[in-house]
Amino acid sequence: MNTADAKRILETALMCSSQPLTLRDMRVLFDEAVGTDTLKSLLAQMQDEWAQRGMELVGVASGWRFQSRPEMRDFLDRLHPEKPPRYTRAALETLAIIAYRQPVTRGDMEDIRGVTINSLILKQLEDRGWVEVIGHRETVGRPALYATTRQFLDDLGLASLDQLPAIEAPHRTGDMAQALAGRGLPPEPEQPALPMETLAAPQADAPSAEMAAATVPGLATGADVARSPASAEAAPTSPSAASPDTKTFPEAPHD
């Protein structure tokens, strides 16, 4: 099989797939006749060939996919006009704390935000597939430890946590939330408003607990990618999320 035929097959499979394809999927596509190194080379060539088009080939946490470029969003929205999705500031800040400080407990999040976090917010984030419980802290009550998921990275178009937007003030939840909002989050189904949070002890720098909605632009992807487990080779070669050479997540305060 020549290179042109191999790229044509890869391109077709990626275009027709409803979810990212891993390198293992691609090897199955070619009945193991094409190796991993060759596949990576073909993908790199395809990225260059699509560089000037409205679609782009990207590697995310779960594998590889085609998606529309961000600058195409305004045009695509004319086909299906929708109001921008609205996320409460409380939900965005909670998600941001988990993303930048993971793994964290609910108590850690409340200490950082300075307010009591409504349990419905965490459930909302879990139902959306963005966060999950990965274990329990060995302390009194064994509180659950929350971390982000591959789906969270996929929806933001990231391959690893190393690619999270950099922030100047990592101790400020508002800056973390703004960084995620600027990256873009995909729409979610309309849900009833969450109850107001209960204020904890007053703090000078604590953010307001009002449920002010923050408008977030939708992610410019060709299709909403379904969540699915992926093998260790799903994402393109990139530093580990825990690599000290790329991003260090501040230690979360203990409960």
C-alpha atoms as a PDB file:
ATOM      1  CA  MET A   1       0.000   0.000   0.000  1.00  0.00           C
ATOM      2  CA  ASN A   2       1.432   3.380  -0.947  1.00  0.00           C
ATOM      3  CA  THR A   3       1.405   6.499   1.215  1.00  0.00           C
ATOM      4  CA  ALA A   4      -1.377   8.218  -0.736  1.00  0.00           C
ATOM      5  CA  ASP A   5      -3.740   5.262  -0.286  1.00  0.00           C
ATOM      6  CA  ALA A   6      -2.906   4.959   3.409  1.00  0.00           C
ATOM      7  CA  LYS A   7      -3.650   8.648   4.008  1.00  0.00           C
ATOM      8  CA  ARG A   8      -6.903   8.397   2.061  1.00  0.00           C
ATOM      9  CA  ILE A   9      -8.027   5.477   4.247  1.00  0.00           C
ATOM     10  CA  LEU A  10      -7.004   7.275   7.434  1.00  0.00           C
ATOM     11  CA  GLU A  11      -8.754  10.460   6.365  1.00  0.00           C
ATOM     12  CA  THR A  12     -11.974   8.586   5.593  1.00  0.00           C
ATOM     13  CA  ALA A  13     -11.955   6.712   8.901  1.00  0.00           C
ATOM     14  CA  LEU A  14     -11.321   9.892  10.902  1.00  0.00           C
ATOM     15  CA  MET A  15     -14.020  11.821   9.051  1.00  0.00           C
ATOM     16  CA  CYS A  16     -16.624   9.096   9.535  1.00  0.00           C
ATOM     17  CA  SER A  17     -15.854   8.318  13.164  1.00  0.00           C
ATOM     18  CA  SER A  18     -18.096   9.851  15.827  1.00  0.00           C
ATOM     19  CA  GLN A  19     -15.273   9.810  18.346  1.00  0.00           C
ATOM     20  CA  PRO A  20     -11.480  10.222  18.315  1.00  0.00           C
ATOM     21  CA  LEU A  21      -9.493   7.284  16.938  1.00  0.00           C
ATOM     22  CA  THR A  22      -6.546   5.922  18.893  1.00  0.00           C
ATOM     23  CA  LEU A  23      -3.357   4.634  17.295  1.00  0.00           C
ATOM     24  CA  ARG A  24      -4.535   1.151  18.198  1.00  0.00           C
ATOM     25  CA  ASP A  25      -7.776   1.758  16.294  1.00  0.00           C
ATOM     26  CA  MET A  26      -5.732   2.858  13.300  1.00  0.00           C
ATOM     27  CA  ARG A  27      -3.566  -0.251  13.402  1.00  0.00           C
ATOM     28  CA  VAL A  28      -6.740  -2.357  13.398  1.00  0.00           C
ATOM     29  CA  LEU A  29      -7.907  -0.300  10.416  1.00  0.00           C
ATOM     30  CA  PHE A  30      -4.869  -1.514   8.484  1.00  0.00           C
ATOM     31  CA  ASP A  31      -5.000  -5.040   9.950  1.00  0.00           C
ATOM     32  CA  GLU A  32      -1.715  -4.370  11.812  1.00  0.00           C
ATOM     33  CA  ALA A  33       0.066  -3.922   8.464  1.00  0.00           C
ATOM     34  CA  VAL A  34       1.037  -0.314   9.348  1.00  0.00           C
ATOM     35  CA  GLY A  35       3.149   0.379  12.431  1.00  0.00           C
ATOM     36  CA  THR A  36       2.736   3.098  15.054  1.00  0.00           C
ATOM     37  CA  ASP A  37       5.698   5.185  13.856  1.00  0.00           C
ATOM     38  CA  THR A  38       4.382   5.134  10.297  1.00  0.00           C
ATOM     39  CA  LEU A  39       0.929   6.160  11.491  1.00  0.00           C
ATOM     40  CA  LYS A  40       2.375   9.111  13.413  1.00  0.00           C
ATOM     41  CA  SER A  41       4.263  10.197  10.310  1.00  0.00           C
ATOM     42  CA  LEU A  42       1.115   9.954   8.177  1.00  0.00           C
ATOM     43  CA  LEU A  43      -0.876  11.967  10.729  1.00  0.00           C
ATOM     44  CA  ALA A  44       1.779  14.690  10.754  1.00  0.00           C
ATOM     45  CA  GLN A  45       1.674  14.869   6.956  1.00  0.00           C
ATOM     46  CA  MET A  46      -2.115  15.105   7.004  1.00  0.00           C
ATOM     47  CA  GLN A  47      -1.976  17.940   9.534  1.00  0.00           C
ATOM     48  CA  ASP A  48       0.260  19.902   7.158  1.00  0.00           C
ATOM     49  CA  GLU A  49      -2.000  19.170   4.177  1.00  0.00           C
ATOM     50  CA  TRP A  50      -5.051  20.462   6.058  1.00  0.00           C
ATOM     51  CA  ALA A  51      -3.290  23.535   7.467  1.00  0.00           C
ATOM     52  CA  GLN A  52      -5.016  25.975   5.077  1.00  0.00           C
ATOM     53  CA  ARG A  53      -8.484  24.420   5.203  1.00  0.00           C
ATOM     54  CA  GLY A  54     -11.516  25.025   7.377  1.00  0.00           C
ATOM     55  CA  MET A  55     -11.038  21.696   9.128  1.00  0.00           C
ATOM     56  CA  GLU A  56      -8.019  20.645  11.161  1.00  0.00           C
ATOM     57  CA  LEU A  57      -6.650  17.310  12.342  1.00  0.00           C
ATOM     58  CA  VAL A  58      -5.872  17.428  16.066  1.00  0.00           C
ATOM     59  CA  GLY A  59      -4.719  15.031  18.739  1.00  0.00           C
ATOM     60  CA  VAL A  60      -6.761  15.129  21.950  1.00  0.00           C
ATOM     61  CA  ALA A  61      -6.709  13.026  25.117  1.00  0.00           C
ATOM     62  CA  SER A  62      -8.740  10.191  23.588  1.00  0.00           C
ATOM     63  CA  GLY A  63      -7.040  10.059  20.196  1.00  0.00           C
ATOM     64  CA  TRP A  64      -7.153  11.892  16.859  1.00  0.00           C
ATOM     65  CA  ARG A  65     -10.082  13.661  15.184  1.00  0.00           C
ATOM     66  CA  PHE A  66     -11.030  16.239  12.575  1.00  0.00           C
ATOM     67  CA  GLN A  67     -12.762  19.379  13.816  1.00  0.00           C
ATOM     68  CA  SER A  68     -13.714  22.760  12.432  1.00  0.00           C
ATOM     69  CA  ARG A  69     -11.307  25.596  13.084  1.00  0.00           C
ATOM     70  CA  PRO A  70     -12.330  28.225  15.679  1.00  0.00           C
ATOM     71  CA  GLU A  71     -12.552  30.952  13.004  1.00  0.00           C
ATOM     72  CA  MET A  72     -15.241  28.934  11.234  1.00  0.00           C
ATOM     73  CA  ARG A  73     -17.554  28.993  14.263  1.00  0.00           C
ATOM     74  CA  ASP A  74     -19.366  32.207  13.343  1.00  0.00           C
ATOM     75  CA  PHE A  75     -20.285  30.826   9.923  1.00  0.00           C
ATOM     76  CA  LEU A  76     -21.394  27.414  11.215  1.00  0.00           C
ATOM     77  CA  ASP A  77     -23.551  29.046  13.871  1.00  0.00           C
ATOM     78  CA  ARG A  78     -25.655  30.631  11.121  1.00  0.00           C
ATOM     79  CA  LEU A  79     -26.890  27.169  10.155  1.00  0.00           C
ATOM     80  CA  HIS A  80     -28.067  26.400  13.688  1.00  0.00           C
ATOM     81  CA  PRO A  81     -28.441  29.671  15.609  1.00  0.00           C
ATOM     82  CA  GLU A  82     -28.307  29.020  19.332  1.00  0.00           C
ATOM     83  CA  LYS A  83     -27.888  31.188  22.369  1.00  0.00           C
ATOM     84  CA  PRO A  84     -24.470  30.762  23.957  1.00  0.00           C
ATOM     85  CA  PRO A  85     -24.549  28.259  26.829  1.00  0.00           C
ATOM     86  CA  ARG A  86     -24.527  29.803  30.276  1.00  0.00           C
ATOM     87  CA  TYR A  87     -22.546  28.422  33.186  1.00  0.00           C
ATOM     88  CA  THR A  88     -22.799  29.824  36.687  1.00  0.00           C
ATOM     89  CA  ARG A  89     -19.653  31.376  38.035  1.00  0.00           C
ATOM     90  CA  ALA A  90     -19.816  28.886  40.884  1.00  0.00           C
ATOM     91  CA  ALA A  91     -19.728  25.964  38.441  1.00  0.00           C
ATOM     92  CA  LEU A  92     -16.867  27.464  36.411  1.00  0.00           C
ATOM     93  CA  GLU A  93     -14.785  28.223  39.487  1.00  0.00           C
ATOM     94  CA  THR A  94     -15.373  24.751  40.931  1.00  0.00           C
ATOM     95  CA  LEU A  95     -14.359  23.144  37.630  1.00  0.00           C
ATOM     96  CA  ALA A  96     -11.293  25.395  37.428  1.00  0.00           C
ATOM     97  CA  ILE A  97     -10.158  24.463  40.939  1.00  0.00           C
ATOM     98  CA  ILE A  98     -10.424  20.765  40.110  1.00  0.00           C
ATOM     99  CA  ALA A  99      -8.579  21.251  36.814  1.00  0.00           C
ATOM    100  CA  TYR A 100      -5.676  23.275  38.232  1.00  0.00           C
ATOM    101  CA  ARG A 101      -5.380  21.786  41.735  1.00  0.00           C
ATOM    102  CA  GLN A 102      -6.371  18.134  41.240  1.00  0.00           C
ATOM    103  CA  PRO A 103      -6.822  15.874  42.997  1.00  0.00           C
ATOM    104  CA  VAL A 104      -8.901  17.856  45.496  1.00  0.00           C
ATOM    105  CA  THR A 105     -11.672  17.152  47.972  1.00  0.00           C
ATOM    106  CA  ARG A 106     -14.855  19.133  48.338  1.00  0.00           C
ATOM    107  CA  GLY A 107     -13.376  20.615  51.522  1.00  0.00           C
ATOM    108  CA  ASP A 108     -10.324  21.791  49.565  1.00  0.00           C
ATOM    109  CA  MET A 109     -12.570  23.508  47.035  1.00  0.00           C
ATOM    110  CA  GLU A 110     -14.584  25.229  49.759  1.00  0.00           C
ATOM    111  CA  ASP A 111     -11.404  26.455  51.465  1.00  0.00           C
ATOM    112  CA  ILE A 112     -10.139  27.903  48.180  1.00  0.00           C
ATOM    113  CA  ARG A 113     -13.429  29.520  47.144  1.00  0.00           C
ATOM    114  CA  GLY A 114     -14.366  30.644  50.642  1.00  0.00           C
ATOM    115  CA  VAL A 115     -17.967  29.453  50.277  1.00  0.00           C
ATOM    116  CA  THR A 116     -19.858  26.201  50.753  1.00  0.00           C
ATOM    117  CA  ILE A 117     -20.115  24.373  47.428  1.00  0.00           C
ATOM    118  CA  ASN A 118     -23.546  23.065  46.554  1.00  0.00           C
ATOM    119  CA  SER A 119     -23.451  19.295  45.994  1.00  0.00           C
ATOM    120  CA  LEU A 120     -25.561  19.777  42.845  1.00  0.00           C
ATOM    121  CA  ILE A 121     -22.659  21.629  41.216  1.00  0.00           C
ATOM    122  CA  LEU A 122     -20.367  18.626  41.608  1.00  0.00           C
ATOM    123  CA  LYS A 123     -23.120  16.321  40.358  1.00  0.00           C
ATOM    124  CA  GLN A 124     -23.637  18.591  37.354  1.00  0.00           C
ATOM    125  CA  LEU A 125     -19.942  18.413  36.492  1.00  0.00           C
ATOM    126  CA  GLU A 126     -19.906  14.638  36.974  1.00  0.00           C
ATOM    127  CA  ASP A 127     -23.006  14.175  34.807  1.00  0.00           C
ATOM    128  CA  ARG A 128     -21.373  16.282  32.083  1.00  0.00           C
ATOM    129  CA  GLY A 129     -18.434  13.879  32.168  1.00  0.00           C
ATOM    130  CA  TRP A 130     -15.873  16.529  33.101  1.00  0.00           C
ATOM    131  CA  VAL A 131     -14.928  15.370  36.627  1.00  0.00           C
ATOM    132  CA  GLU A 132     -14.859  12.059  38.464  1.00  0.00           C
ATOM    133  CA  VAL A 133     -13.923  10.600  41.832  1.00  0.00           C
ATOM    134  CA  ILE A 134     -10.537   8.912  41.546  1.00  0.00           C
ATOM    135  CA  GLY A 135     -10.081   7.856  45.176  1.00  0.00           C
ATOM    136  CA  HIS A 136     -10.372   8.958  48.779  1.00  0.00           C
ATOM    137  CA  ARG A 137      -8.009  10.874  51.026  1.00  0.00           C
ATOM    138  CA  GLU A 138      -6.773   8.839  53.968  1.00  0.00           C
ATOM    139  CA  THR A 139      -8.022  11.149  56.686  1.00  0.00           C
ATOM    140  CA  VAL A 140     -11.053  11.481  58.912  1.00  0.00           C
ATOM    141  CA  GLY A 141     -14.166  10.649  56.903  1.00  0.00           C
ATOM    142  CA  ARG A 142     -12.091   9.589  53.860  1.00  0.00           C
ATOM    143  CA  PRO A 143     -13.394  12.427  51.618  1.00  0.00           C
ATOM    144  CA  ALA A 144     -13.624  11.798  47.880  1.00  0.00           C
ATOM    145  CA  LEU A 145     -10.835  13.096  45.643  1.00  0.00           C
ATOM    146  CA  TYR A 146     -11.984  14.771  42.421  1.00  0.00           C
ATOM    147  CA  ALA A 147     -10.052  15.048  39.151  1.00  0.00           C
ATOM    148  CA  THR A 148     -10.859  15.929  35.550  1.00  0.00           C
ATOM    149  CA  THR A 149     -11.522  13.308  32.868  1.00  0.00           C
ATOM    150  CA  ARG A 150     -10.408  12.593  29.304  1.00  0.00           C
ATOM    151  CA  GLN A 151     -13.783  13.955  28.208  1.00  0.00           C
ATOM    152  CA  PHE A 152     -12.919  17.299  29.804  1.00  0.00           C
ATOM    153  CA  LEU A 153      -9.672  17.441  27.823  1.00  0.00           C
ATOM    154  CA  ASP A 154     -11.415  16.333  24.625  1.00  0.00           C
ATOM    155  CA  ASP A 155     -14.084  19.025  24.972  1.00  0.00           C
ATOM    156  CA  LEU A 156     -11.416  21.700  25.376  1.00  0.00           C
ATOM    157  CA  GLY A 157      -9.404  20.252  22.484  1.00  0.00           C
ATOM    158  CA  LEU A 158      -6.435  19.364  24.682  1.00  0.00           C
ATOM    159  CA  ALA A 159      -4.191  16.317  24.654  1.00  0.00           C
ATOM    160  CA  SER A 160      -3.041  16.644  28.273  1.00  0.00           C
ATOM    161  CA  LEU A 161      -3.267  18.863  31.349  1.00  0.00           C
ATOM    162  CA  ASP A 162       0.055  20.408  30.318  1.00  0.00           C
ATOM    163  CA  GLN A 163      -1.865  22.334  27.671  1.00  0.00           C
ATOM    164  CA  LEU A 164      -4.236  24.058  30.099  1.00  0.00           C
ATOM    165  CA  PRO A 165      -4.123  27.839  29.643  1.00  0.00           C
ATOM    166  CA  ALA A 166      -1.407  29.465  31.742  1.00  0.00           C
ATOM    167  CA  ILE A 167      -2.584  31.826  34.474  1.00  0.00           C
ATOM    168  CA  GLU A 168      -0.740  34.682  36.140  1.00  0.00           C
ATOM    169  CA  ALA A 169      -2.367  34.294  39.559  1.00  0.00           C
ATOM    170  CA  PRO A 170      -2.941  30.562  40.246  1.00  0.00           C
ATOM    171  CA  HIS A 171      -4.264  31.328  43.741  1.00  0.00           C
ATOM    172  CA  ARG A 172      -7.239  33.275  42.351  1.00  0.00           C
ATOM    173  CA  THR A 173     -10.219  31.154  41.362  1.00  0.00           C
ATOM    174  CA  GLY A 174     -11.535  33.916  39.126  1.00  0.00           C
ATOM    175  CA  ASP A 175      -8.395  33.814  36.988  1.00  0.00           C
ATOM    176  CA  MET A 176      -8.566  30.032  36.713  1.00  0.00           C
ATOM    177  CA  ALA A 177     -12.223  30.137  35.685  1.00  0.00           C
ATOM    178  CA  GLN A 178     -11.573  32.904  33.155  1.00  0.00           C
ATOM    179  CA  ALA A 179      -8.763  30.848  31.613  1.00  0.00           C
ATOM    180  CA  LEU A 180     -11.088  27.875  31.074  1.00  0.00           C
ATOM    181  CA  ALA A 181     -13.863  30.100  29.746  1.00  0.00           C
ATOM    182  CA  GLY A 182     -11.438  31.675  27.295  1.00  0.00           C
ATOM    183  CA  ARG A 183     -10.476  28.251  26.025  1.00  0.00           C
ATOM    184  CA  GLY A 184     -14.115  27.517  25.271  1.00  0.00           C
ATOM    185  CA  LEU A 185     -16.502  24.934  26.682  1.00  0.00           C
ATOM    186  CA  PRO A 186     -19.089  23.004  24.654  1.00  0.00           C
ATOM    187  CA  PRO A 187     -22.823  23.490  25.204  1.00  0.00           C
ATOM    188  CA  GLU A 188     -24.702  21.467  27.761  1.00  0.00           C
ATOM    189  CA  PRO A 189     -28.442  20.713  28.002  1.00  0.00           C
ATOM    190  CA  GLU A 190     -30.496  23.310  29.825  1.00  0.00           C
ATOM    191  CA  GLN A 191     -30.805  22.509  33.518  1.00  0.00           C
ATOM    192  CA  PRO A 192     -32.758  24.098  36.348  1.00  0.00           C
ATOM    193  CA  ALA A 193     -30.929  26.778  38.255  1.00  0.00           C
ATOM    194  CA  LEU A 194     -28.934  25.525  41.201  1.00  0.00           C
ATOM    195  CA  PRO A 195     -29.765  26.757  44.719  1.00  0.00           C
ATOM    196  CA  MET A 196     -27.758  29.622  46.104  1.00  0.00           C
ATOM    197  CA  GLU A 197     -24.568  28.717  47.936  1.00  0.00           C
ATOM    198  CA  THR A 198     -24.229  29.314  51.649  1.00  0.00           C
ATOM    199  CA  LEU A 199     -21.617  31.855  52.565  1.00  0.00           C
ATOM    200  CA  ALA A 200     -18.835  30.671  54.814  1.00  0.00           C
ATOM    201  CA  ALA A 201     -16.921  32.927  57.192  1.00  0.00           C
ATOM    202  CA  PRO A 202     -16.401  36.327  55.518  1.00  0.00           C
ATOM    203  CA  GLN A 203     -13.071  36.753  53.777  1.00  0.00           C
ATOM    204  CA  ALA A 204     -11.692  39.924  52.277  1.00  0.00           C
ATOM    205  CA  ASP A 205     -10.686  38.335  48.988  1.00  0.00           C
ATOM    206  CA  ALA A 206     -13.369  35.656  48.778  1.00  0.00           C
ATOM    207  CA  PRO A 207     -15.409  35.755  45.557  1.00  0.00           C
ATOM    208  CA  SER A 208     -19.091  36.563  45.734  1.00  0.00           C
ATOM    209  CA  ALA A 209     -21.404  33.561  46.031  1.00  0.00           C
ATOM    210  CA  GLU A 210     -24.019  35.001  43.700  1.00  0.00           C
ATOM    211  CA  MET A 211     -24.961  32.625  40.949  1.00  0.00           C
ATOM    212  CA  ALA A 212     -24.069  35.104  38.216  1.00  0.00           C
ATOM    213  CA  ALA A 213     -24.086  33.326  34.875  1.00  0.00           C
ATOM    214  CA  ALA A 214     -20.947  33.443  32.754  1.00  0.00           C
ATOM    215  CA  THR A 215     -21.405  33.180  29.007  1.00  0.00           C
ATOM    216  CA  VAL A 216     -18.934  30.790  27.447  1.00  0.00           C
ATOM    217  CA  PRO A 217     -18.455  30.385  23.691  1.00  0.00           C
ATOM    218  CA  GLY A 218     -18.993  26.842  22.379  1.00  0.00           C
ATOM    219  CA  LEU A 219     -16.051  24.747  21.260  1.00  0.00           C
ATOM    220  CA  ALA A 220     -15.583  24.753  17.475  1.00  0.00           C
ATOM    221  CA  THR A 221     -15.732  21.066  16.747  1.00  0.00           C
ATOM    222  CA  GLY A 222     -17.293  19.242  13.859  1.00  0.00           C
ATOM    223  CA  ALA A 223     -19.216  16.904  16.181  1.00  0.00           C
ATOM    224  CA  ASP A 224     -19.837  16.390  19.861  1.00  0.00           C
ATOM    225  CA  VAL A 225     -17.425  13.597  20.737  1.00  0.00           C
ATOM    226  CA  ALA A 226     -18.823  10.812  22.887  1.00  0.00           C
ATOM    227  CA  ARG A 227     -16.881   9.860  25.989  1.00  0.00           C
ATOM    228  CA  SER A 228     -15.023   6.594  25.751  1.00  0.00           C
ATOM    229  CA  PRO A 229     -12.041   4.974  27.471  1.00  0.00           C
ATOM    230  CA  ALA A 230      -8.815   5.137  25.532  1.00  0.00           C
ATOM    231  CA  SER A 231      -5.562   3.215  25.617  1.00  0.00           C
ATOM    232  CA  ALA A 232      -2.329   4.689  26.829  1.00  0.00           C
ATOM    233  CA  GLU A 233      -1.355   5.477  23.244  1.00  0.00           C
ATOM    234  CA  ALA A 234      -4.589   7.375  22.567  1.00  0.00           C
ATOM    235  CA  ALA A 235      -3.067  10.848  22.737  1.00  0.00           C
ATOM    236  CA  PRO A 236      -0.166  12.047  20.630  1.00  0.00           C
ATOM    237  CA  THR A 237       3.235  12.074  22.235  1.00  0.00           C
ATOM    238  CA  SER A 238       3.263  14.791  24.874  1.00  0.00           C
ATOM    239  CA  PRO A 239       4.729  15.324  28.348  1.00  0.00           C
ATOM    240  CA  SER A 240       2.894  13.791  31.279  1.00  0.00           C
ATOM    241  CA  ALA A 241       0.339  15.941  33.003  1.00  0.00           C
ATOM    242  CA  ALA A 242       2.316  15.567  36.200  1.00  0.00           C
ATOM    243  CA  SER A 243       5.671  16.493  34.612  1.00  0.00           C
ATOM    244  CA  PRO A 244       7.486  19.074  36.730  1.00  0.00           C
ATOM    245  CA  ASP A 245       9.069  20.476  33.560  1.00  0.00           C
ATOM    246  CA  THR A 246       5.771  21.689  32.181  1.00  0.00           C
ATOM    247  CA  LYS A 247       3.095  22.458  34.753  1.00  0.00           C
ATOM    248  CA  THR A 248       3.149  22.111  38.503  1.00  0.00           C
ATOM    249  CA  PHE A 249      -0.201  22.046  40.228  1.00  0.00           C
ATOM    250  CA  PRO A 250      -0.081  23.761  43.638  1.00  0.00           C
ATOM    251  CA  GLU A 251      -0.674  21.450  46.554  1.00  0.00           C
ATOM    252  CA  ALA A 252      -4.297  21.628  47.656  1.00  0.00           C
ATOM    253  CA  PRO A 253      -4.959  22.561  51.302  1.00  0.00           C
ATOM    254  CA  HIS A 254      -5.943  19.672  53.532  1.00  0.00           C
ATOM    255  CA  ASP A 255      -9.441  19.342  54.939  1.00  0.00           C
END
